[in-house]
Amino acid sequence: MEWISNLISTLLDWVQQLGYFGIMLGLMIEIIPSEIVLAYGGYLVHMGNINFVGAVFFGVVGGVIAQLFIYWIGRYGGRPILEKYGKYILIKKKHIDVSEAWFLKYGSGVIFTARFIPVARHAISIPAGMAKMPVGKFLLLTTLAVIPWSILFVYLGMLLGEQWQHVDEKAGPYIMPILLGALALLIVYVVVKMFSNKKKAAK
């Protein structure tokens, strides 16, 4: 749709004007996917407007604050609010369903691994909030996941330069190993959790 393209173009112009803070705010408001904002940040690095470390740092800060915002909505607004208004921050009902099922089944450790799973990535903060997961633990796991994500897309945007819009195509070979690694970590986490629960039950 033309209005969406115009909106994205306007927001990216805004990111360019504000530099580091533009990247952070672009991620915080969650109107366009984080991959686009970070890749554009990488393009600005390519152009020499900002540096790589600063782009990644403010990308991480913005990404974590965005997820903290969703966490608080989940904690104090609950599922009804997000089902009604989630579409405005790119969260659909199916995303909430999947992330809630994952969180209930695997526990808080899934906050890290789910960040790399397309359907659950943005919505996993919702059940964490509804379950009143400790904020410190939530922030730690979220930050650990957002760091590699930010590094990857800023790097790819920098590498692609003028072709940064094709970041999705370039990201494919990188995303699959990350996805497999995240799933492997999830399996390890589940196995460890199962053994831990069995030991507690045996006492």
N, C-alpha and C. Protein backbone atom coordinates (compact mmCIF):
# COMPACT_ATOMS: atom_id res chain seq x y z
N MET A 1 0.84 -1.20 0.00
CA MET A 1 0.00 0.00 0.00
C MET A 1 0.88 1.26 0.00
N GLU A 2 0.43 2.24 -0.77
CA GLU A 2 1.26 3.45 -0.95
C GLU A 2 1.47 4.21 0.35
N TRP A 3 0.43 4.28 1.19
CA TRP A 3 0.57 5.06 2.42
C TRP A 3 1.58 4.43 3.37
N ILE A 4 1.69 3.08 3.34
CA ILE A 4 2.68 2.40 4.18
C ILE A 4 4.09 2.73 3.70
N SER A 5 4.28 2.70 2.37
CA SER A 5 5.59 3.05 1.80
C SER A 5 5.97 4.47 2.15
N ASN A 6 5.00 5.37 2.08
CA ASN A 6 5.26 6.78 2.43
C ASN A 6 5.61 6.93 3.91
N LEU A 7 4.90 6.16 4.74
CA LEU A 7 5.17 6.22 6.18
C LEU A 7 6.58 5.74 6.49
N ILE A 8 6.96 4.61 5.89
CA ILE A 8 8.30 4.06 6.11
C ILE A 8 9.36 5.03 5.63
N SER A 9 9.12 5.63 4.46
CA SER A 9 10.07 6.60 3.91
C SER A 9 10.23 7.80 4.84
N THR A 10 9.11 8.29 5.38
CA THR A 10 9.15 9.43 6.30
C THR A 10 9.91 9.08 7.58
N LEU A 11 9.64 7.89 8.11
CA LEU A 11 10.31 7.47 9.34
C LEU A 11 11.81 7.29 9.13
N LEU A 12 12.20 6.76 7.97
CA LEU A 12 13.62 6.57 7.70
C LEU A 12 14.34 7.91 7.50
N ASP A 13 13.63 8.87 6.93
CA ASP A 13 14.20 10.23 6.83
C ASP A 13 14.43 10.79 8.23
N TRP A 14 13.50 10.50 9.10
CA TRP A 14 13.57 10.93 10.50
C TRP A 14 14.77 10.27 11.18
N VAL A 15 14.96 8.97 10.92
CA VAL A 15 16.10 8.23 11.48
C VAL A 15 17.41 8.86 11.01
N GLN A 16 17.47 9.19 9.72
CA GLN A 16 18.69 9.79 9.16
C GLN A 16 19.01 11.13 9.82
N GLN A 17 17.98 11.92 10.03
CA GLN A 17 18.18 13.25 10.63
C GLN A 17 18.64 13.16 12.08
N LEU A 18 18.10 12.18 12.82
CA LEU A 18 18.41 12.07 14.24
C LEU A 18 19.61 11.17 14.53
N GLY A 19 20.07 10.42 13.52
CA GLY A 19 21.25 9.57 13.71
C GLY A 19 21.02 8.47 14.72
N TYR A 20 21.88 8.40 15.73
CA TYR A 20 21.80 7.34 16.74
C TYR A 20 20.43 7.33 17.43
N PHE A 21 19.97 8.51 17.82
CA PHE A 21 18.67 8.58 18.51
C PHE A 21 17.53 8.21 17.57
N GLY A 22 17.72 8.45 16.29
CA GLY A 22 16.71 8.03 15.31
C GLY A 22 16.57 6.53 15.26
N ILE A 23 17.71 5.83 15.32
CA ILE A 23 17.68 4.36 15.35
C ILE A 23 16.97 3.89 16.61
N MET A 24 17.33 4.46 17.73
CA MET A 24 16.72 4.06 19.01
C MET A 24 15.21 4.30 19.00
N LEU A 25 14.80 5.50 18.60
CA LEU A 25 13.38 5.83 18.60
C LEU A 25 12.62 5.03 17.55
N GLY A 26 13.25 4.79 16.39
CA GLY A 26 12.61 3.98 15.35
C GLY A 26 12.30 2.57 15.83
N LEU A 27 13.17 2.02 16.67
CA LEU A 27 12.93 0.69 17.23
C LEU A 27 11.93 0.74 18.38
N MET A 28 11.95 1.81 19.13
CA MET A 28 11.05 1.92 20.29
C MET A 28 9.59 2.01 19.88
N ILE A 29 9.31 2.71 18.78
CA ILE A 29 7.90 2.92 18.43
C ILE A 29 7.31 1.73 17.68
N GLU A 30 8.15 0.80 17.20
CA GLU A 30 7.68 -0.48 16.64
C GLU A 30 6.69 -0.33 15.48
N ILE A 31 6.80 0.74 14.70
CA ILE A 31 5.87 0.89 13.58
C ILE A 31 6.35 0.10 12.37
N ILE A 32 7.67 0.06 12.18
CA ILE A 32 8.24 -0.74 11.10
C ILE A 32 9.16 -1.79 11.70
N PRO A 33 9.35 -2.93 11.03
CA PRO A 33 10.16 -4.02 11.58
C PRO A 33 11.57 -3.57 11.97
N SER A 34 12.08 -4.18 13.03
CA SER A 34 13.41 -3.81 13.53
C SER A 34 14.50 -4.05 12.49
N GLU A 35 14.32 -5.09 11.65
CA GLU A 35 15.32 -5.40 10.64
C GLU A 35 15.54 -4.22 9.69
N ILE A 36 14.45 -3.54 9.34
CA ILE A 36 14.54 -2.41 8.41
C ILE A 36 15.27 -1.24 9.06
N VAL A 37 14.90 -0.93 10.31
CA VAL A 37 15.52 0.18 11.01
C VAL A 37 17.02 -0.07 11.20
N LEU A 38 17.37 -1.29 11.62
CA LEU A 38 18.77 -1.62 11.87
C LEU A 38 19.58 -1.64 10.57
N ALA A 39 18.99 -2.19 9.52
CA ALA A 39 19.69 -2.22 8.23
C ALA A 39 19.92 -0.81 7.71
N TYR A 40 18.93 0.05 7.91
CA TYR A 40 19.09 1.44 7.49
C TYR A 40 20.17 2.12 8.32
N GLY A 41 20.22 1.76 9.60
CA GLY A 41 21.30 2.26 10.45
C GLY A 41 22.66 1.83 9.91
N GLY A 42 22.72 0.56 9.42
CA GLY A 42 23.95 0.08 8.81
C GLY A 42 24.31 0.86 7.55
N TYR A 43 23.29 1.23 6.80
CA TYR A 43 23.51 2.05 5.60
C TYR A 43 24.10 3.41 5.99
N LEU A 44 23.59 3.99 7.10
CA LEU A 44 24.13 5.27 7.57
C LEU A 44 25.59 5.13 8.01
N VAL A 45 25.93 3.94 8.54
CA VAL A 45 27.34 3.66 8.87
C VAL A 45 28.16 3.63 7.59
N HIS A 46 27.63 2.96 6.58
CA HIS A 46 28.28 2.88 5.26
C HIS A 46 28.53 4.27 4.69
N MET A 47 27.58 5.17 4.90
CA MET A 47 27.69 6.53 4.38
C MET A 47 28.63 7.41 5.21
N GLY A 48 29.01 6.91 6.38
CA GLY A 48 29.90 7.68 7.25
C GLY A 48 29.19 8.65 8.16
N ASN A 49 27.86 8.58 8.22
CA ASN A 49 27.08 9.50 9.07
C ASN A 49 27.22 9.16 10.56
N ILE A 50 27.33 7.86 10.85
CA ILE A 50 27.46 7.38 12.22
C ILE A 50 28.47 6.23 12.22
N ASN A 51 28.84 5.74 13.41
CA ASN A 51 29.77 4.62 13.45
C ASN A 51 29.06 3.33 13.85
N PHE A 52 29.71 2.22 13.57
CA PHE A 52 29.10 0.90 13.76
C PHE A 52 28.73 0.64 15.23
N VAL A 53 29.67 0.90 16.12
CA VAL A 53 29.43 0.61 17.55
C VAL A 53 28.26 1.42 18.08
N GLY A 54 28.21 2.69 17.71
CA GLY A 54 27.11 3.53 18.16
C GLY A 54 25.77 3.07 17.62
N ALA A 55 25.75 2.65 16.34
CA ALA A 55 24.51 2.17 15.73
C ALA A 55 24.01 0.92 16.45
N VAL A 56 24.92 0.00 16.76
CA VAL A 56 24.55 -1.23 17.46
C VAL A 56 24.08 -0.91 18.87
N PHE A 57 24.81 -0.05 19.57
CA PHE A 57 24.46 0.29 20.95
C PHE A 57 23.06 0.88 21.04
N PHE A 58 22.78 1.89 20.22
CA PHE A 58 21.46 2.52 20.27
C PHE A 58 20.38 1.60 19.71
N GLY A 59 20.78 0.68 18.82
CA GLY A 59 19.84 -0.33 18.34
C GLY A 59 19.43 -1.27 19.45
N VAL A 60 20.40 -1.67 20.26
CA VAL A 60 20.11 -2.55 21.41
C VAL A 60 19.23 -1.84 22.42
N VAL A 61 19.58 -0.60 22.74
CA VAL A 61 18.79 0.18 23.72
C VAL A 61 17.34 0.33 23.25
N GLY A 62 17.18 0.71 21.98
CA GLY A 62 15.83 0.88 21.45
C GLY A 62 15.04 -0.41 21.41
N GLY A 63 15.73 -1.49 21.00
CA GLY A 63 15.06 -2.80 20.93
C GLY A 63 14.62 -3.30 22.29
N VAL A 64 15.45 -3.10 23.30
CA VAL A 64 15.12 -3.56 24.66
C VAL A 64 13.98 -2.72 25.24
N ILE A 65 14.03 -1.41 25.04
CA ILE A 65 12.96 -0.55 25.56
C ILE A 65 11.62 -0.90 24.91
N ALA A 66 11.65 -1.20 23.60
CA ALA A 66 10.42 -1.59 22.90
C ALA A 66 9.81 -2.83 23.52
N GLN A 67 10.66 -3.82 23.83
CA GLN A 67 10.16 -5.06 24.43
C GLN A 67 9.71 -4.85 25.86
N LEU A 68 10.38 -3.94 26.57
CA LEU A 68 9.96 -3.62 27.95
C LEU A 68 8.58 -2.98 27.94
N PHE A 69 8.33 -2.14 26.95
CA PHE A 69 7.02 -1.50 26.80
C PHE A 69 5.93 -2.57 26.62
N ILE A 70 6.21 -3.56 25.75
CA ILE A 70 5.24 -4.64 25.50
C ILE A 70 5.08 -5.48 26.77
N TYR A 71 6.18 -5.71 27.49
CA TYR A 71 6.13 -6.44 28.76
C TYR A 71 5.18 -5.76 29.75
N TRP A 72 5.29 -4.43 29.87
CA TRP A 72 4.44 -3.70 30.80
C TRP A 72 2.98 -3.74 30.37
N ILE A 73 2.74 -3.70 29.07
CA ILE A 73 1.36 -3.82 28.58
C ILE A 73 0.80 -5.17 28.97
N GLY A 74 1.61 -6.23 28.77
CA GLY A 74 1.18 -7.57 29.15
C GLY A 74 0.93 -7.68 30.64
N ARG A 75 1.76 -7.02 31.42
CA ARG A 75 1.66 -7.12 32.88
C ARG A 75 0.45 -6.37 33.43
N TYR A 76 0.19 -5.17 32.89
CA TYR A 76 -0.86 -4.34 33.46
C TYR A 76 -2.12 -4.23 32.59
N GLY A 77 -1.98 -4.55 31.31
CA GLY A 77 -3.15 -4.48 30.43
C GLY A 77 -3.72 -5.85 30.11
N GLY A 78 -2.82 -6.85 30.04
CA GLY A 78 -3.27 -8.20 29.78
C GLY A 78 -3.58 -8.47 28.31
N ARG A 79 -4.00 -9.68 28.06
CA ARG A 79 -4.26 -10.15 26.70
C ARG A 79 -5.35 -9.35 25.97
N PRO A 80 -6.48 -9.00 26.60
CA PRO A 80 -7.54 -8.27 25.88
C PRO A 80 -7.06 -6.97 25.23
N ILE A 81 -6.23 -6.23 25.96
CA ILE A 81 -5.71 -4.96 25.42
C ILE A 81 -4.86 -5.22 24.19
N LEU A 82 -4.00 -6.24 24.27
CA LEU A 82 -3.09 -6.51 23.16
C LEU A 82 -3.81 -7.11 21.95
N GLU A 83 -4.84 -7.89 22.20
CA GLU A 83 -5.61 -8.44 21.08
C GLU A 83 -6.33 -7.32 20.33
N LYS A 84 -6.72 -6.30 21.07
CA LYS A 84 -7.46 -5.18 20.46
C LYS A 84 -6.54 -4.18 19.76
N TYR A 85 -5.41 -3.86 20.42
CA TYR A 85 -4.54 -2.79 19.91
C TYR A 85 -3.17 -3.26 19.42
N GLY A 86 -2.89 -4.55 19.56
CA GLY A 86 -1.58 -5.08 19.18
C GLY A 86 -1.20 -4.86 17.73
N LYS A 87 -2.21 -4.80 16.86
CA LYS A 87 -1.93 -4.61 15.43
C LYS A 87 -1.17 -3.32 15.15
N TYR A 88 -1.31 -2.35 16.06
CA TYR A 88 -0.63 -1.07 15.85
C TYR A 88 0.87 -1.15 16.14
N ILE A 89 1.29 -2.23 16.82
CA ILE A 89 2.73 -2.44 17.06
C ILE A 89 3.16 -3.79 16.45
N LEU A 90 2.49 -4.16 15.36
CA LEU A 90 2.84 -5.34 14.55
C LEU A 90 2.68 -6.66 15.29
N ILE A 91 1.74 -6.72 16.24
CA ILE A 91 1.48 -7.97 16.97
C ILE A 91 0.06 -8.42 16.69
N LYS A 92 -0.07 -9.63 16.13
CA LYS A 92 -1.38 -10.20 15.83
C LYS A 92 -1.76 -11.24 16.87
N LYS A 93 -3.04 -11.64 16.85
CA LYS A 93 -3.53 -12.61 17.83
C LYS A 93 -2.75 -13.93 17.74
N LYS A 94 -2.41 -14.37 16.52
CA LYS A 94 -1.69 -15.64 16.39
C LYS A 94 -0.30 -15.56 17.03
N HIS A 95 0.31 -14.36 16.99
CA HIS A 95 1.61 -14.18 17.63
C HIS A 95 1.46 -14.34 19.15
N ILE A 96 0.39 -13.78 19.70
CA ILE A 96 0.15 -13.88 21.13
C ILE A 96 -0.10 -15.33 21.52
N ASP A 97 -0.90 -16.05 20.72
CA ASP A 97 -1.22 -17.45 20.99
C ASP A 97 0.05 -18.31 21.05
N VAL A 98 0.89 -18.15 20.04
CA VAL A 98 2.12 -18.96 19.96
C VAL A 98 3.07 -18.64 21.10
N SER A 99 3.29 -17.35 21.34
CA SER A 99 4.24 -16.96 22.39
C SER A 99 3.76 -17.37 23.78
N GLU A 100 2.44 -17.26 24.01
CA GLU A 100 1.91 -17.66 25.31
C GLU A 100 2.05 -19.16 25.52
N ALA A 101 1.79 -19.94 24.46
CA ALA A 101 1.94 -21.40 24.55
C ALA A 101 3.40 -21.77 24.84
N TRP A 102 4.32 -21.10 24.17
CA TRP A 102 5.74 -21.36 24.39
C TRP A 102 6.15 -21.03 25.81
N PHE A 103 5.71 -19.87 26.29
CA PHE A 103 6.11 -19.43 27.63
C PHE A 103 5.55 -20.37 28.70
N LEU A 104 4.30 -20.77 28.54
CA LEU A 104 3.69 -21.67 29.52
C LEU A 104 4.34 -23.05 29.52
N LYS A 105 4.79 -23.48 28.34
CA LYS A 105 5.38 -24.81 28.21
C LYS A 105 6.84 -24.85 28.64
N TYR A 106 7.61 -23.80 28.27
CA TYR A 106 9.05 -23.85 28.48
C TYR A 106 9.57 -22.91 29.58
N GLY A 107 8.75 -21.98 30.04
CA GLY A 107 9.17 -21.10 31.12
C GLY A 107 9.95 -19.88 30.65
N SER A 108 10.55 -19.18 31.59
CA SER A 108 11.17 -17.88 31.32
C SER A 108 12.38 -17.96 30.39
N GLY A 109 13.06 -19.09 30.34
CA GLY A 109 14.24 -19.23 29.47
C GLY A 109 13.93 -19.03 28.01
N VAL A 110 12.67 -19.20 27.63
CA VAL A 110 12.28 -19.04 26.23
C VAL A 110 12.33 -17.58 25.79
N ILE A 111 12.42 -16.66 26.75
CA ILE A 111 12.53 -15.24 26.41
C ILE A 111 13.73 -14.99 25.51
N PHE A 112 14.83 -15.70 25.76
CA PHE A 112 16.02 -15.54 24.92
C PHE A 112 15.86 -16.23 23.57
N THR A 113 15.54 -17.51 23.58
CA THR A 113 15.52 -18.28 22.33
C THR A 113 14.41 -17.83 21.38
N ALA A 114 13.26 -17.43 21.92
CA ALA A 114 12.14 -17.04 21.06
C ALA A 114 12.40 -15.76 20.29
N ARG A 115 13.39 -14.97 20.71
CA ARG A 115 13.72 -13.73 20.00
C ARG A 115 14.17 -14.00 18.56
N PHE A 116 14.58 -15.24 18.29
CA PHE A 116 15.07 -15.57 16.95
C PHE A 116 14.05 -16.36 16.14
N ILE A 117 12.86 -16.57 16.71
CA ILE A 117 11.80 -17.31 16.01
C ILE A 117 10.81 -16.30 15.46
N PRO A 118 10.63 -16.25 14.12
CA PRO A 118 9.80 -15.20 13.49
C PRO A 118 8.43 -14.95 14.13
N VAL A 119 7.64 -16.00 14.34
CA VAL A 119 6.27 -15.80 14.83
C VAL A 119 6.24 -15.30 16.26
N ALA A 120 7.17 -15.78 17.09
CA ALA A 120 7.13 -15.48 18.52
C ALA A 120 8.01 -14.31 18.93
N ARG A 121 8.87 -13.84 18.04
CA ARG A 121 9.93 -12.91 18.42
C ARG A 121 9.43 -11.66 19.16
N HIS A 122 8.44 -10.98 18.60
CA HIS A 122 7.99 -9.72 19.20
C HIS A 122 6.99 -9.94 20.33
N ALA A 123 6.22 -11.02 20.22
CA ALA A 123 5.11 -11.20 21.17
C ALA A 123 5.50 -11.94 22.44
N ILE A 124 6.72 -12.50 22.52
CA ILE A 124 7.08 -13.31 23.69
C ILE A 124 7.12 -12.48 24.96
N SER A 125 7.25 -11.16 24.83
CA SER A 125 7.27 -10.30 26.02
C SER A 125 5.90 -10.23 26.69
N ILE A 126 4.85 -10.53 25.94
CA ILE A 126 3.48 -10.43 26.48
C ILE A 126 3.24 -11.42 27.60
N PRO A 127 3.43 -12.74 27.37
CA PRO A 127 3.21 -13.69 28.47
C PRO A 127 4.19 -13.49 29.62
N ALA A 128 5.39 -12.98 29.32
CA ALA A 128 6.34 -12.69 30.39
C ALA A 128 5.76 -11.63 31.32
N GLY A 129 5.12 -10.63 30.74
CA GLY A 129 4.48 -9.59 31.54
C GLY A 129 3.28 -10.12 32.30
N MET A 130 2.46 -10.91 31.62
CA MET A 130 1.25 -11.46 32.26
C MET A 130 1.62 -12.39 33.42
N ALA A 131 2.76 -13.09 33.29
CA ALA A 131 3.21 -14.00 34.35
C ALA A 131 3.99 -13.27 35.44
N LYS A 132 4.15 -11.93 35.26
CA LYS A 132 4.89 -11.10 36.21
C LYS A 132 6.32 -11.62 36.43
N MET A 133 6.96 -11.98 35.32
CA MET A 133 8.36 -12.39 35.36
C MET A 133 9.19 -11.24 35.93
N PRO A 134 10.18 -11.51 36.80
CA PRO A 134 11.01 -10.44 37.35
C PRO A 134 11.60 -9.56 36.25
N VAL A 135 11.49 -8.26 36.41
CA VAL A 135 11.92 -7.33 35.36
C VAL A 135 13.41 -7.48 35.06
N GLY A 136 14.23 -7.64 36.11
CA GLY A 136 15.67 -7.77 35.91
C GLY A 136 16.02 -8.97 35.04
N LYS A 137 15.40 -10.09 35.30
CA LYS A 137 15.64 -11.30 34.51
C LYS A 137 15.16 -11.12 33.08
N PHE A 138 14.01 -10.49 32.93
CA PHE A 138 13.47 -10.22 31.59
C PHE A 138 14.42 -9.35 30.79
N LEU A 139 14.91 -8.29 31.42
CA LEU A 139 15.81 -7.37 30.74
C LEU A 139 17.12 -8.05 30.34
N LEU A 140 17.65 -8.90 31.22
CA LEU A 140 18.90 -9.60 30.93
C LEU A 140 18.75 -10.51 29.72
N LEU A 141 17.73 -11.36 29.72
CA LEU A 141 17.53 -12.30 28.63
C LEU A 141 17.20 -11.59 27.33
N THR A 142 16.42 -10.53 27.42
CA THR A 142 16.07 -9.75 26.22
C THR A 142 17.31 -9.09 25.63
N THR A 143 18.12 -8.48 26.48
CA THR A 143 19.33 -7.80 26.01
C THR A 143 20.29 -8.78 25.35
N LEU A 144 20.47 -9.95 25.96
CA LEU A 144 21.37 -10.96 25.40
C LEU A 144 20.93 -11.40 24.01
N ALA A 145 19.63 -11.38 23.76
CA ALA A 145 19.11 -11.77 22.44
C ALA A 145 19.15 -10.62 21.45
N VAL A 146 18.90 -9.41 21.93
CA VAL A 146 18.85 -8.25 21.03
C VAL A 146 20.24 -7.88 20.50
N ILE A 147 21.28 -8.12 21.29
CA ILE A 147 22.64 -7.75 20.88
C ILE A 147 23.05 -8.40 19.55
N PRO A 148 23.01 -9.76 19.44
CA PRO A 148 23.42 -10.36 18.16
C PRO A 148 22.51 -9.97 17.00
N TRP A 149 21.23 -9.80 17.28
CA TRP A 149 20.27 -9.39 16.24
C TRP A 149 20.63 -8.02 15.70
N SER A 150 20.95 -7.10 16.59
CA SER A 150 21.32 -5.74 16.18
C SER A 150 22.63 -5.73 15.41
N ILE A 151 23.62 -6.48 15.91
CA ILE A 151 24.92 -6.55 15.23
C ILE A 151 24.74 -7.06 13.81
N LEU A 152 23.96 -8.13 13.66
CA LEU A 152 23.78 -8.76 12.34
C LEU A 152 23.19 -7.78 11.33
N PHE A 153 22.09 -7.12 11.69
CA PHE A 153 21.40 -6.30 10.69
C PHE A 153 22.09 -4.94 10.45
N VAL A 154 22.76 -4.41 11.45
CA VAL A 154 23.55 -3.21 11.20
C VAL A 154 24.72 -3.56 10.28
N TYR A 155 25.35 -4.70 10.54
CA TYR A 155 26.47 -5.15 9.69
C TYR A 155 26.02 -5.38 8.25
N LEU A 156 24.88 -6.05 8.08
CA LEU A 156 24.39 -6.33 6.73
C LEU A 156 24.02 -5.04 6.00
N GLY A 157 23.40 -4.11 6.72
CA GLY A 157 23.06 -2.82 6.10
C GLY A 157 24.31 -2.08 5.67
N MET A 158 25.35 -2.14 6.50
CA MET A 158 26.63 -1.51 6.17
C MET A 158 27.27 -2.19 4.96
N LEU A 159 27.18 -3.51 4.92
CA LEU A 159 27.78 -4.29 3.84
C LEU A 159 27.07 -4.02 2.51
N LEU A 160 25.76 -3.92 2.55
CA LEU A 160 24.97 -3.73 1.33
C LEU A 160 25.01 -2.30 0.81
N GLY A 161 25.23 -1.36 1.70
CA GLY A 161 25.30 0.03 1.26
C GLY A 161 24.01 0.49 0.60
N GLU A 162 24.11 0.99 -0.62
CA GLU A 162 22.95 1.50 -1.35
C GLU A 162 21.87 0.44 -1.57
N GLN A 163 22.25 -0.82 -1.46
CA GLN A 163 21.29 -1.92 -1.67
C GLN A 163 20.73 -2.45 -0.33
N TRP A 164 20.77 -1.63 0.70
CA TRP A 164 20.36 -2.09 2.03
C TRP A 164 18.92 -2.60 2.06
N GLN A 165 18.08 -2.14 1.11
CA GLN A 165 16.67 -2.59 1.08
C GLN A 165 16.57 -4.10 0.84
N HIS A 166 17.62 -4.71 0.31
CA HIS A 166 17.61 -6.15 0.03
C HIS A 166 18.16 -6.96 1.20
N VAL A 167 18.09 -6.39 2.39
CA VAL A 167 18.68 -7.04 3.56
C VAL A 167 18.04 -8.40 3.85
N ASP A 168 16.74 -8.54 3.57
CA ASP A 168 16.07 -9.82 3.84
C ASP A 168 16.70 -10.96 3.04
N GLU A 169 17.04 -10.67 1.78
CA GLU A 169 17.66 -11.69 0.94
C GLU A 169 19.06 -12.03 1.46
N LYS A 170 19.79 -11.03 1.85
CA LYS A 170 21.15 -11.22 2.34
C LYS A 170 21.18 -11.90 3.70
N ALA A 171 20.13 -11.65 4.49
CA ALA A 171 20.10 -12.17 5.86
C ALA A 171 19.82 -13.67 5.92
N GLY A 172 19.16 -14.21 4.87
CA GLY A 172 18.76 -15.61 4.88
C GLY A 172 19.83 -16.59 5.33
N PRO A 173 21.02 -16.58 4.71
CA PRO A 173 22.07 -17.53 5.09
C PRO A 173 22.55 -17.36 6.53
N TYR A 174 22.38 -16.15 7.08
CA TYR A 174 22.81 -15.90 8.46
C TYR A 174 21.72 -16.29 9.46
N ILE A 175 20.47 -16.04 9.08
CA ILE A 175 19.35 -16.28 9.99
C ILE A 175 19.18 -17.77 10.30
N MET A 176 19.34 -18.62 9.29
CA MET A 176 19.13 -20.06 9.49
C MET A 176 20.05 -20.64 10.57
N PRO A 177 21.37 -20.38 10.53
CA PRO A 177 22.22 -20.90 11.62
C PRO A 177 21.83 -20.34 12.99
N ILE A 178 21.45 -19.04 13.00
CA ILE A 178 21.03 -18.44 14.27
C ILE A 178 19.75 -19.12 14.78
N LEU A 179 18.83 -19.36 13.87
CA LEU A 179 17.57 -20.01 14.22
C LEU A 179 17.82 -21.42 14.75
N LEU A 180 18.68 -22.17 14.07
CA LEU A 180 19.01 -23.53 14.51
C LEU A 180 19.72 -23.50 15.86
N GLY A 181 20.60 -22.51 16.04
CA GLY A 181 21.28 -22.38 17.32
C GLY A 181 20.31 -22.06 18.44
N ALA A 182 19.34 -21.20 18.15
CA ALA A 182 18.33 -20.84 19.15
C ALA A 182 17.48 -22.05 19.53
N LEU A 183 17.11 -22.84 18.51
CA LEU A 183 16.32 -24.05 18.79
C LEU A 183 17.13 -25.06 19.60
N ALA A 184 18.43 -25.16 19.29
CA ALA A 184 19.29 -26.07 20.05
C ALA A 184 19.38 -25.63 21.51
N LEU A 185 19.51 -24.32 21.72
CA LEU A 185 19.55 -23.79 23.08
C LEU A 185 18.24 -24.05 23.81
N LEU A 186 17.13 -23.93 23.06
CA LEU A 186 15.82 -24.18 23.66
C LEU A 186 15.70 -25.63 24.10
N ILE A 187 16.17 -26.55 23.26
CA ILE A 187 16.13 -27.97 23.60
C ILE A 187 16.96 -28.25 24.85
N VAL A 188 18.18 -27.68 24.88
CA VAL A 188 19.05 -27.87 26.05
C VAL A 188 18.38 -27.32 27.30
N TYR A 189 17.77 -26.14 27.16
CA TYR A 189 17.09 -25.51 28.30
C TYR A 189 15.95 -26.39 28.82
N VAL A 190 15.16 -26.93 27.89
CA VAL A 190 14.02 -27.78 28.27
C VAL A 190 14.50 -29.04 28.97
N VAL A 191 15.55 -29.66 28.44
CA VAL A 191 16.09 -30.89 29.05
C VAL A 191 16.60 -30.61 30.46
N VAL A 192 17.36 -29.52 30.61
CA VAL A 192 17.88 -29.15 31.93
C VAL A 192 16.74 -28.86 32.89
N LYS A 193 15.71 -28.16 32.41
CA LYS A 193 14.56 -27.83 33.25
C LYS A 193 13.83 -29.09 33.69
N MET A 194 13.69 -30.06 32.78
CA MET A 194 13.02 -31.32 33.11
C MET A 194 13.76 -32.07 34.21
N PHE A 195 15.10 -32.17 34.06
CA PHE A 195 15.90 -32.87 35.08
C PHE A 195 15.85 -32.14 36.41
N SER A 196 15.86 -30.81 36.35
CA SER A 196 15.79 -30.02 37.57
C SER A 196 14.47 -30.24 38.30
N ASN A 197 13.37 -30.28 37.52
CA ASN A 197 12.05 -30.51 38.12
C ASN A 197 11.94 -31.90 38.73
N LYS A 198 12.54 -32.89 38.06
CA LYS A 198 12.51 -34.27 38.56
C LYS A 198 13.27 -34.38 39.88
N LYS A 199 14.41 -33.67 39.96
CA LYS A 199 15.21 -33.70 41.20
C LYS A 199 14.44 -33.06 42.35
N LYS A 200 13.75 -31.95 42.05
CA LYS A 200 12.96 -31.28 43.09
C LYS A 200 11.80 -32.16 43.55
N ALA A 201 11.19 -32.87 42.59
CA ALA A 201 10.06 -33.75 42.93
C ALA A 201 10.52 -34.94 43.75
N ALA A 202 11.77 -35.37 43.54
CA ALA A 202 12.28 -36.56 44.23
C ALA A 202 12.64 -36.25 45.66
N LYS A 203 12.88 -34.96 45.98
CA LYS A 203 13.26 -34.59 47.35
C LYS A 203 12.09 -34.62 48.31
